């Protein structure tokens, strides 16, 4: 829905400045989240996300994908929190991304599981112990990555290195 003078945003939003800030936040998010989870991913690759040995092709594709998810997370985070200091909103964005990635990392064994409906054995039928371990590991790794990214973004906001959505270009209200 158009606002103000017919653009996508209110008249006081400088669209070009907002695009630059979004690019900056995507890079900061990808780098900070990747650096935060790297020690875990290198030391415990199989235990956390079930990707096999560090530097294997599967490990690499999982973590390249995480870097892309972190960049997208940064964009969504910046737009979602805007000038809102609601901690539940901030934590909700982190949680949504971490849970989504953790679930996507779970692999059902062709040996232990049957499909339609999915049955994989104890303790829950739908999820077996191995799958629960994968969820916990993927959740831990993802929580560290997305949480560190949010922390870095908030630090950059606080120090003026990044601007919240609607405040770039000097025309938006602070």
N, C-alpha and C. Protein backbone atom coordinates (compact mmCIF):
# COMPACT_ATOMS: atom_id res chain seq x y z
N UNK A 1 0.85 -1.17 0.00
CA UNK A 1 0.00 0.00 0.00
C UNK A 1 0.89 1.23 0.00
N UNK A 2 0.60 2.16 -0.89
CA UNK A 2 1.42 3.35 -1.02
C UNK A 2 1.07 4.35 0.07
N UNK A 3 2.10 5.11 0.47
CA UNK A 3 1.91 6.12 1.49
C UNK A 3 2.49 7.42 0.99
N UNK A 4 2.08 8.50 1.57
CA UNK A 4 2.68 9.79 1.30
C UNK A 4 2.67 10.17 -0.16
N UNK A 5 3.86 10.42 -0.71
CA UNK A 5 4.01 10.92 -2.07
C UNK A 5 3.95 9.85 -3.13
N UNK A 6 3.46 8.69 -2.86
CA UNK A 6 3.29 7.66 -3.87
C UNK A 6 4.38 6.61 -3.88
N UNK A 7 5.38 6.68 -3.00
CA UNK A 7 6.43 5.67 -2.94
C UNK A 7 6.03 4.50 -2.06
N UNK A 8 6.96 3.58 -1.90
CA UNK A 8 6.70 2.40 -1.06
C UNK A 8 6.63 2.75 0.42
N UNK A 9 7.36 3.79 0.80
CA UNK A 9 7.49 4.14 2.21
C UNK A 9 6.92 5.53 2.47
N UNK A 10 6.84 5.88 3.73
CA UNK A 10 6.41 7.22 4.11
C UNK A 10 7.38 8.25 3.51
N UNK A 11 6.91 9.48 3.37
CA UNK A 11 7.71 10.53 2.74
C UNK A 11 9.05 10.76 3.42
N UNK A 12 9.12 10.51 4.74
CA UNK A 12 10.36 10.81 5.45
C UNK A 12 11.39 9.68 5.38
N UNK A 13 11.14 8.63 4.60
CA UNK A 13 12.08 7.52 4.47
C UNK A 13 12.86 7.67 3.17
N UNK A 14 14.19 7.72 3.30
CA UNK A 14 15.09 7.82 2.15
C UNK A 14 15.38 6.40 1.66
N UNK A 15 14.72 6.00 0.59
CA UNK A 15 14.80 4.61 0.12
C UNK A 15 16.23 4.19 -0.23
N UNK A 16 16.99 5.05 -0.88
CA UNK A 16 18.36 4.70 -1.27
C UNK A 16 19.24 4.49 -0.03
N UNK A 17 19.11 5.37 0.95
CA UNK A 17 19.88 5.22 2.19
C UNK A 17 19.48 3.94 2.92
N UNK A 18 18.20 3.59 2.88
CA UNK A 18 17.73 2.36 3.52
C UNK A 18 18.31 1.13 2.84
N UNK A 19 18.43 1.16 1.52
CA UNK A 19 19.03 0.03 0.79
C UNK A 19 20.49 -0.15 1.19
N UNK A 20 21.21 0.95 1.34
CA UNK A 20 22.62 0.87 1.75
C UNK A 20 22.72 0.27 3.15
N UNK A 21 21.88 0.74 4.07
CA UNK A 21 21.89 0.20 5.44
C UNK A 21 21.53 -1.29 5.44
N UNK A 22 20.60 -1.68 4.58
CA UNK A 22 20.22 -3.10 4.50
C UNK A 22 21.38 -3.94 4.00
N UNK A 23 22.13 -3.45 3.03
CA UNK A 23 23.32 -4.17 2.56
C UNK A 23 24.35 -4.31 3.65
N UNK A 24 24.56 -3.24 4.41
CA UNK A 24 25.52 -3.29 5.52
C UNK A 24 25.09 -4.29 6.58
N UNK A 25 23.80 -4.28 6.93
CA UNK A 25 23.33 -5.19 7.98
C UNK A 25 23.43 -6.64 7.52
N UNK A 26 23.20 -6.90 6.24
CA UNK A 26 23.30 -8.28 5.72
C UNK A 26 24.73 -8.79 5.86
N UNK A 27 25.70 -7.96 5.52
CA UNK A 27 27.11 -8.37 5.62
C UNK A 27 27.51 -8.57 7.08
N UNK A 28 27.17 -7.61 7.94
CA UNK A 28 27.52 -7.72 9.36
C UNK A 28 26.87 -8.96 9.98
N UNK A 29 25.64 -9.22 9.63
CA UNK A 29 24.94 -10.38 10.16
C UNK A 29 25.60 -11.68 9.73
N UNK A 30 25.90 -11.81 8.44
CA UNK A 30 26.52 -13.04 7.93
C UNK A 30 27.89 -13.27 8.55
N UNK A 31 28.69 -12.23 8.63
CA UNK A 31 30.05 -12.37 9.16
C UNK A 31 30.03 -12.65 10.66
N UNK A 32 29.26 -11.88 11.42
CA UNK A 32 29.26 -12.06 12.88
C UNK A 32 28.68 -13.40 13.29
N UNK A 33 27.59 -13.81 12.68
CA UNK A 33 26.99 -15.10 13.01
C UNK A 33 27.88 -16.27 12.62
N UNK A 34 28.52 -16.16 11.45
CA UNK A 34 29.42 -17.23 10.99
C UNK A 34 30.63 -17.35 11.90
N UNK A 35 31.20 -16.22 12.30
CA UNK A 35 32.36 -16.25 13.20
C UNK A 35 31.98 -16.82 14.57
N UNK A 36 30.80 -16.49 15.05
CA UNK A 36 30.38 -16.97 16.37
C UNK A 36 30.18 -18.48 16.40
N UNK A 37 29.63 -19.04 15.32
CA UNK A 37 29.36 -20.48 15.35
C UNK A 37 30.54 -21.30 14.83
N UNK A 38 31.53 -20.66 14.23
CA UNK A 38 32.66 -21.41 13.65
C UNK A 38 33.37 -22.32 14.64
N UNK A 39 33.70 -21.87 15.86
CA UNK A 39 34.37 -22.80 16.78
C UNK A 39 33.54 -24.05 17.07
N UNK A 40 32.24 -23.88 17.28
CA UNK A 40 31.38 -25.05 17.52
C UNK A 40 31.34 -25.95 16.30
N UNK A 41 31.19 -25.36 15.13
CA UNK A 41 31.08 -26.14 13.90
C UNK A 41 32.37 -26.88 13.59
N UNK A 42 33.49 -26.32 13.96
CA UNK A 42 34.78 -26.97 13.70
C UNK A 42 35.09 -28.05 14.74
N UNK A 43 34.75 -27.80 15.99
CA UNK A 43 35.10 -28.74 17.06
C UNK A 43 34.11 -29.89 17.18
N UNK A 44 32.83 -29.64 16.91
CA UNK A 44 31.80 -30.66 17.11
C UNK A 44 30.87 -30.76 15.90
N UNK A 45 31.40 -30.97 14.70
CA UNK A 45 30.52 -30.94 13.51
C UNK A 45 29.44 -32.01 13.52
N UNK A 46 29.77 -33.22 13.92
CA UNK A 46 28.80 -34.31 13.89
C UNK A 46 27.80 -34.18 15.04
N UNK A 47 28.27 -33.77 16.19
CA UNK A 47 27.40 -33.68 17.36
C UNK A 47 26.38 -32.56 17.24
N UNK A 48 26.75 -31.45 16.61
CA UNK A 48 25.84 -30.31 16.56
C UNK A 48 24.85 -30.40 15.42
N UNK A 49 25.33 -30.42 14.20
CA UNK A 49 24.38 -30.36 13.08
C UNK A 49 24.39 -31.61 12.23
N UNK A 50 25.12 -32.64 12.64
CA UNK A 50 25.10 -33.90 11.92
C UNK A 50 25.64 -33.82 10.51
N UNK A 51 26.57 -32.89 10.28
CA UNK A 51 27.07 -32.69 8.92
C UNK A 51 28.29 -33.53 8.60
N UNK A 52 28.73 -34.35 9.52
CA UNK A 52 29.93 -35.14 9.26
C UNK A 52 31.17 -34.36 9.65
N UNK A 53 32.31 -34.81 9.17
CA UNK A 53 33.59 -34.20 9.51
C UNK A 53 33.65 -32.76 9.03
N UNK A 54 34.37 -31.94 9.81
CA UNK A 54 34.60 -30.55 9.40
C UNK A 54 35.30 -30.54 8.05
N UNK A 55 34.91 -29.63 7.22
CA UNK A 55 35.46 -29.41 5.87
C UNK A 55 35.04 -30.48 4.86
N UNK A 56 34.07 -31.33 5.23
CA UNK A 56 33.51 -32.26 4.24
C UNK A 56 32.57 -31.46 3.33
N UNK A 57 32.22 -32.00 2.16
CA UNK A 57 31.29 -31.27 1.29
C UNK A 57 29.96 -30.94 1.98
N UNK A 58 29.41 -31.89 2.76
CA UNK A 58 28.14 -31.64 3.44
C UNK A 58 28.30 -30.54 4.49
N UNK A 59 29.39 -30.56 5.23
CA UNK A 59 29.67 -29.53 6.23
C UNK A 59 29.73 -28.17 5.55
N UNK A 60 30.44 -28.11 4.43
CA UNK A 60 30.59 -26.83 3.73
C UNK A 60 29.25 -26.29 3.22
N UNK A 61 28.46 -27.15 2.58
CA UNK A 61 27.18 -26.66 2.04
C UNK A 61 26.25 -26.21 3.16
N UNK A 62 26.27 -26.91 4.30
CA UNK A 62 25.43 -26.51 5.44
C UNK A 62 25.83 -25.13 5.95
N UNK A 63 27.12 -24.87 6.02
CA UNK A 63 27.57 -23.61 6.60
C UNK A 63 27.60 -22.48 5.59
N UNK A 64 27.75 -22.78 4.31
CA UNK A 64 27.55 -21.75 3.29
C UNK A 64 26.09 -21.31 3.31
N UNK A 65 25.19 -22.29 3.44
CA UNK A 65 23.77 -21.98 3.53
C UNK A 65 23.45 -21.16 4.77
N UNK A 66 24.12 -21.48 5.88
CA UNK A 66 23.91 -20.71 7.11
C UNK A 66 24.33 -19.26 6.91
N UNK A 67 25.44 -19.02 6.22
CA UNK A 67 25.88 -17.65 5.97
C UNK A 67 24.82 -16.87 5.18
N UNK A 68 24.22 -17.52 4.20
CA UNK A 68 23.15 -16.88 3.43
C UNK A 68 21.93 -16.63 4.32
N UNK A 69 21.58 -17.61 5.15
CA UNK A 69 20.45 -17.43 6.08
C UNK A 69 20.72 -16.28 7.04
N UNK A 70 21.97 -16.16 7.48
CA UNK A 70 22.32 -15.07 8.40
C UNK A 70 22.17 -13.71 7.72
N UNK A 71 22.55 -13.61 6.45
CA UNK A 71 22.38 -12.35 5.73
C UNK A 71 20.89 -12.01 5.64
N UNK A 72 20.07 -12.99 5.29
CA UNK A 72 18.62 -12.76 5.22
C UNK A 72 18.05 -12.44 6.61
N UNK A 73 18.56 -13.13 7.62
CA UNK A 73 18.15 -12.85 9.00
C UNK A 73 18.40 -11.38 9.34
N UNK A 74 19.58 -10.88 8.99
CA UNK A 74 19.90 -9.48 9.29
C UNK A 74 18.90 -8.52 8.68
N UNK A 75 18.52 -8.79 7.44
CA UNK A 75 17.52 -7.94 6.77
C UNK A 75 16.18 -8.00 7.49
N UNK A 76 15.72 -9.21 7.78
CA UNK A 76 14.43 -9.37 8.46
C UNK A 76 14.49 -8.74 9.84
N UNK A 77 15.58 -8.96 10.56
CA UNK A 77 15.72 -8.42 11.91
C UNK A 77 15.63 -6.89 11.88
N UNK A 78 16.35 -6.27 10.96
CA UNK A 78 16.34 -4.80 10.87
C UNK A 78 14.94 -4.27 10.60
N UNK A 79 14.23 -4.91 9.69
CA UNK A 79 12.87 -4.46 9.38
C UNK A 79 11.89 -4.79 10.50
N UNK A 80 12.07 -5.92 11.16
CA UNK A 80 11.13 -6.34 12.20
C UNK A 80 11.23 -5.49 13.46
N UNK A 81 12.45 -5.19 13.90
CA UNK A 81 12.58 -4.50 15.17
C UNK A 81 12.49 -2.98 15.04
N UNK A 82 12.80 -2.45 13.89
CA UNK A 82 12.73 -1.01 13.63
C UNK A 82 13.18 -0.22 14.85
N UNK A 83 12.29 0.55 15.44
CA UNK A 83 12.65 1.35 16.63
C UNK A 83 11.99 0.78 17.88
N UNK A 84 11.63 -0.49 17.81
CA UNK A 84 10.91 -1.15 18.90
C UNK A 84 11.92 -1.75 19.88
N UNK A 85 11.76 -1.47 21.15
CA UNK A 85 12.65 -2.03 22.17
C UNK A 85 12.05 -3.26 22.84
N UNK A 86 11.05 -3.87 22.24
CA UNK A 86 10.40 -5.05 22.79
C UNK A 86 11.34 -6.25 22.69
N UNK A 87 11.85 -6.77 23.83
CA UNK A 87 12.79 -7.89 23.76
C UNK A 87 12.15 -9.17 23.22
N UNK A 88 10.85 -9.36 23.44
CA UNK A 88 10.20 -10.56 22.91
C UNK A 88 10.18 -10.55 21.38
N UNK A 89 10.01 -9.40 20.78
CA UNK A 89 10.04 -9.29 19.32
C UNK A 89 11.43 -9.66 18.80
N UNK A 90 12.45 -9.13 19.42
CA UNK A 90 13.83 -9.42 19.01
C UNK A 90 14.14 -10.91 19.18
N UNK A 91 13.79 -11.45 20.34
CA UNK A 91 14.03 -12.87 20.60
C UNK A 91 13.19 -13.75 19.69
N UNK A 92 12.00 -13.30 19.35
CA UNK A 92 11.14 -14.06 18.46
C UNK A 92 11.72 -14.20 17.06
N UNK A 93 12.34 -13.14 16.56
CA UNK A 93 12.98 -13.21 15.24
C UNK A 93 14.15 -14.19 15.29
N UNK A 94 14.97 -14.10 16.34
CA UNK A 94 16.09 -15.03 16.51
C UNK A 94 15.57 -16.46 16.61
N UNK A 95 14.58 -16.67 17.45
CA UNK A 95 14.02 -18.01 17.64
C UNK A 95 13.41 -18.59 16.38
N UNK A 96 12.70 -17.78 15.63
CA UNK A 96 12.07 -18.27 14.39
C UNK A 96 13.12 -18.78 13.41
N UNK A 97 14.20 -18.03 13.25
CA UNK A 97 15.25 -18.46 12.33
C UNK A 97 16.00 -19.69 12.87
N UNK A 98 16.31 -19.70 14.18
CA UNK A 98 17.05 -20.82 14.76
C UNK A 98 16.24 -22.11 14.71
N UNK A 99 14.97 -22.04 15.04
CA UNK A 99 14.12 -23.23 15.02
C UNK A 99 13.93 -23.74 13.60
N UNK A 100 13.70 -22.83 12.67
CA UNK A 100 13.53 -23.24 11.26
C UNK A 100 14.75 -23.96 10.74
N UNK A 101 15.94 -23.43 11.05
CA UNK A 101 17.16 -24.08 10.57
C UNK A 101 17.37 -25.42 11.28
N UNK A 102 17.13 -25.47 12.58
CA UNK A 102 17.32 -26.71 13.33
C UNK A 102 16.43 -27.82 12.77
N UNK A 103 15.19 -27.51 12.48
CA UNK A 103 14.28 -28.51 11.92
C UNK A 103 14.75 -28.96 10.54
N UNK A 104 15.23 -28.01 9.75
CA UNK A 104 15.68 -28.34 8.39
C UNK A 104 16.92 -29.24 8.39
N UNK A 105 17.69 -29.22 9.48
CA UNK A 105 18.90 -30.05 9.56
C UNK A 105 18.62 -31.50 9.93
N UNK A 106 17.44 -31.80 10.46
CA UNK A 106 17.13 -33.16 10.92
C UNK A 106 17.02 -34.10 9.73
N UNK A 107 17.66 -35.24 9.86
CA UNK A 107 17.60 -36.28 8.83
C UNK A 107 16.94 -37.52 9.41
N UNK A 108 15.95 -38.01 8.70
CA UNK A 108 15.29 -39.26 9.09
C UNK A 108 16.02 -40.41 8.42
N UNK A 109 16.36 -41.42 9.18
CA UNK A 109 17.08 -42.58 8.67
C UNK A 109 16.16 -43.48 7.85
N UNK A 110 16.64 -43.89 6.68
CA UNK A 110 15.88 -44.85 5.86
C UNK A 110 15.83 -46.22 6.54
N UNK A 111 16.78 -46.49 7.41
CA UNK A 111 16.85 -47.77 8.11
C UNK A 111 15.90 -47.80 9.30
N UNK A 112 15.89 -46.73 10.09
CA UNK A 112 15.11 -46.70 11.33
C UNK A 112 13.69 -46.18 11.17
N UNK A 113 13.37 -45.50 10.08
CA UNK A 113 12.09 -44.82 9.94
C UNK A 113 11.26 -45.37 8.79
N UNK A 114 9.95 -45.30 8.97
CA UNK A 114 9.02 -45.60 7.89
C UNK A 114 8.18 -44.35 7.65
N UNK A 115 7.74 -44.19 6.40
CA UNK A 115 7.01 -42.97 6.03
C UNK A 115 5.50 -43.19 6.01
N UNK A 116 4.80 -42.10 6.05
CA UNK A 116 3.34 -42.01 5.86
C UNK A 116 2.53 -42.93 6.75
N UNK A 117 2.38 -42.67 7.99
CA UNK A 117 2.92 -41.56 8.74
C UNK A 117 4.34 -41.87 9.21
N UNK A 118 5.12 -40.82 9.41
CA UNK A 118 6.51 -41.00 9.83
C UNK A 118 6.57 -41.67 11.20
N UNK A 119 7.29 -42.77 11.27
CA UNK A 119 7.52 -43.50 12.52
C UNK A 119 9.00 -43.84 12.57
N UNK A 120 9.68 -43.35 13.62
CA UNK A 120 11.12 -43.57 13.72
C UNK A 120 11.54 -44.26 15.01
N UNK A 121 10.61 -44.60 15.86
CA UNK A 121 10.93 -45.34 17.07
C UNK A 121 10.96 -44.50 18.32
N UNK A 122 11.44 -45.12 19.42
CA UNK A 122 11.44 -44.45 20.71
C UNK A 122 12.35 -43.22 20.68
N UNK A 123 12.02 -42.22 21.48
CA UNK A 123 11.01 -42.18 22.53
C UNK A 123 9.67 -41.60 22.08
N UNK A 124 9.62 -40.94 20.93
CA UNK A 124 8.39 -40.25 20.55
C UNK A 124 7.67 -40.84 19.35
N UNK A 125 8.23 -41.85 18.75
CA UNK A 125 7.62 -42.41 17.55
C UNK A 125 7.98 -41.60 16.32
N UNK A 126 7.54 -40.36 16.30
CA UNK A 126 7.84 -39.47 15.17
C UNK A 126 9.32 -39.12 15.14
N UNK A 127 9.89 -38.88 16.31
CA UNK A 127 11.31 -38.56 16.45
C UNK A 127 11.98 -39.61 17.32
N UNK A 128 13.10 -40.17 16.84
CA UNK A 128 13.86 -41.09 17.68
C UNK A 128 14.97 -40.30 18.39
N UNK A 129 15.75 -41.00 19.20
CA UNK A 129 16.79 -40.34 19.98
C UNK A 129 17.80 -39.62 19.09
N UNK A 130 18.17 -40.24 17.99
CA UNK A 130 19.13 -39.62 17.08
C UNK A 130 18.58 -38.30 16.52
N UNK A 131 17.33 -38.31 16.13
CA UNK A 131 16.72 -37.10 15.57
C UNK A 131 16.59 -36.01 16.63
N UNK A 132 16.28 -36.39 17.86
CA UNK A 132 16.21 -35.41 18.95
C UNK A 132 17.59 -34.80 19.18
N UNK A 133 18.62 -35.63 19.13
CA UNK A 133 19.99 -35.12 19.24
C UNK A 133 20.32 -34.14 18.11
N UNK A 134 19.89 -34.47 16.90
CA UNK A 134 20.11 -33.57 15.77
C UNK A 134 19.39 -32.23 15.99
N UNK A 135 18.17 -32.29 16.51
CA UNK A 135 17.42 -31.05 16.79
C UNK A 135 18.13 -30.20 17.83
N UNK A 136 18.61 -30.84 18.88
CA UNK A 136 19.31 -30.11 19.94
C UNK A 136 20.60 -29.50 19.41
N UNK A 137 21.38 -30.30 18.69
CA UNK A 137 22.63 -29.80 18.13
C UNK A 137 22.42 -28.69 17.13
N UNK A 138 21.50 -28.90 16.21
CA UNK A 138 21.20 -27.86 15.21
C UNK A 138 20.63 -26.62 15.85
N UNK A 139 19.82 -26.81 16.90
CA UNK A 139 19.27 -25.66 17.62
C UNK A 139 20.34 -24.88 18.35
N UNK A 140 21.28 -25.59 18.96
CA UNK A 140 22.37 -24.92 19.67
C UNK A 140 23.22 -24.12 18.69
N UNK A 141 23.65 -24.77 17.62
CA UNK A 141 24.48 -24.09 16.63
C UNK A 141 23.74 -22.89 16.02
N UNK A 142 22.49 -23.09 15.66
CA UNK A 142 21.70 -22.01 15.05
C UNK A 142 21.42 -20.89 16.04
N UNK A 143 21.11 -21.26 17.29
CA UNK A 143 20.88 -20.25 18.31
C UNK A 143 22.10 -19.38 18.54
N UNK A 144 23.27 -20.00 18.58
CA UNK A 144 24.51 -19.24 18.74
C UNK A 144 24.71 -18.30 17.55
N UNK A 145 24.53 -18.83 16.34
CA UNK A 145 24.77 -18.03 15.13
C UNK A 145 23.79 -16.85 15.04
N UNK A 146 22.49 -17.12 15.16
CA UNK A 146 21.51 -16.05 15.02
C UNK A 146 21.51 -15.11 16.22
N UNK A 147 21.76 -15.66 17.42
CA UNK A 147 21.86 -14.81 18.60
C UNK A 147 23.05 -13.87 18.53
N UNK A 148 24.19 -14.38 18.09
CA UNK A 148 25.38 -13.54 17.95
C UNK A 148 25.17 -12.48 16.88
N UNK A 149 24.50 -12.86 15.82
CA UNK A 149 24.19 -11.91 14.76
C UNK A 149 23.31 -10.77 15.28
N UNK A 150 22.27 -11.12 16.02
CA UNK A 150 21.38 -10.09 16.60
C UNK A 150 22.15 -9.20 17.56
N UNK A 151 23.03 -9.79 18.36
CA UNK A 151 23.85 -9.01 19.29
C UNK A 151 24.74 -8.03 18.53
N UNK A 152 25.37 -8.50 17.46
CA UNK A 152 26.24 -7.63 16.66
C UNK A 152 25.44 -6.50 16.02
N UNK A 153 24.27 -6.83 15.50
CA UNK A 153 23.43 -5.80 14.88
C UNK A 153 23.01 -4.76 15.92
N UNK A 154 22.57 -5.21 17.09
CA UNK A 154 22.16 -4.28 18.15
C UNK A 154 23.34 -3.42 18.60
N UNK A 155 24.53 -4.01 18.69
CA UNK A 155 25.72 -3.25 19.06
C UNK A 155 26.00 -2.18 18.02
N UNK A 156 25.87 -2.54 16.75
CA UNK A 156 26.08 -1.56 15.67
C UNK A 156 25.02 -0.46 15.71
N UNK A 157 23.78 -0.81 16.03
CA UNK A 157 22.73 0.21 16.18
C UNK A 157 23.11 1.16 17.31
N UNK A 158 23.51 0.61 18.46
CA UNK A 158 23.82 1.42 19.64
C UNK A 158 24.99 2.36 19.41
N UNK A 159 25.96 1.92 18.61
CA UNK A 159 27.15 2.74 18.35
C UNK A 159 27.00 3.64 17.13
N UNK A 160 25.87 3.56 16.44
CA UNK A 160 25.65 4.41 15.28
C UNK A 160 26.31 3.92 14.00
N UNK A 161 26.82 2.68 14.01
CA UNK A 161 27.47 2.13 12.81
C UNK A 161 26.44 1.63 11.81
N UNK A 162 25.27 1.26 12.30
CA UNK A 162 24.12 0.90 11.48
C UNK A 162 22.94 1.71 11.98
N UNK A 163 21.98 1.91 11.08
CA UNK A 163 20.77 2.64 11.47
C UNK A 163 19.57 1.71 11.37
N UNK A 164 18.68 1.85 12.33
CA UNK A 164 17.43 1.09 12.30
C UNK A 164 16.62 1.52 11.09
N UNK A 165 15.72 0.64 10.64
CA UNK A 165 14.91 0.99 9.48
C UNK A 165 14.09 2.24 9.77
N UNK A 166 14.06 3.12 8.79
CA UNK A 166 13.30 4.35 8.90
C UNK A 166 14.10 5.52 9.42
N UNK A 167 15.39 5.28 9.76
CA UNK A 167 16.21 6.37 10.28
C UNK A 167 17.42 6.67 9.40
N UNK A 168 17.63 5.93 8.33
CA UNK A 168 18.78 6.17 7.45
C UNK A 168 18.52 7.41 6.60
N UNK A 169 19.60 8.07 6.21
CA UNK A 169 19.47 9.22 5.34
C UNK A 169 19.16 10.51 6.07
N UNK A 170 18.98 10.42 7.39
CA UNK A 170 18.77 11.63 8.17
C UNK A 170 17.37 12.22 8.10
N UNK A 171 16.47 11.61 7.31
CA UNK A 171 15.12 12.18 7.19
C UNK A 171 14.13 11.50 8.11
N UNK A 172 14.43 10.25 8.54
CA UNK A 172 13.49 9.53 9.41
C UNK A 172 13.63 9.97 10.84
N UNK A 173 12.62 9.75 11.62
CA UNK A 173 12.66 10.11 13.03
C UNK A 173 13.51 9.11 13.78
N UNK A 174 14.32 9.60 14.70
CA UNK A 174 15.19 8.73 15.48
C UNK A 174 14.46 8.12 16.59
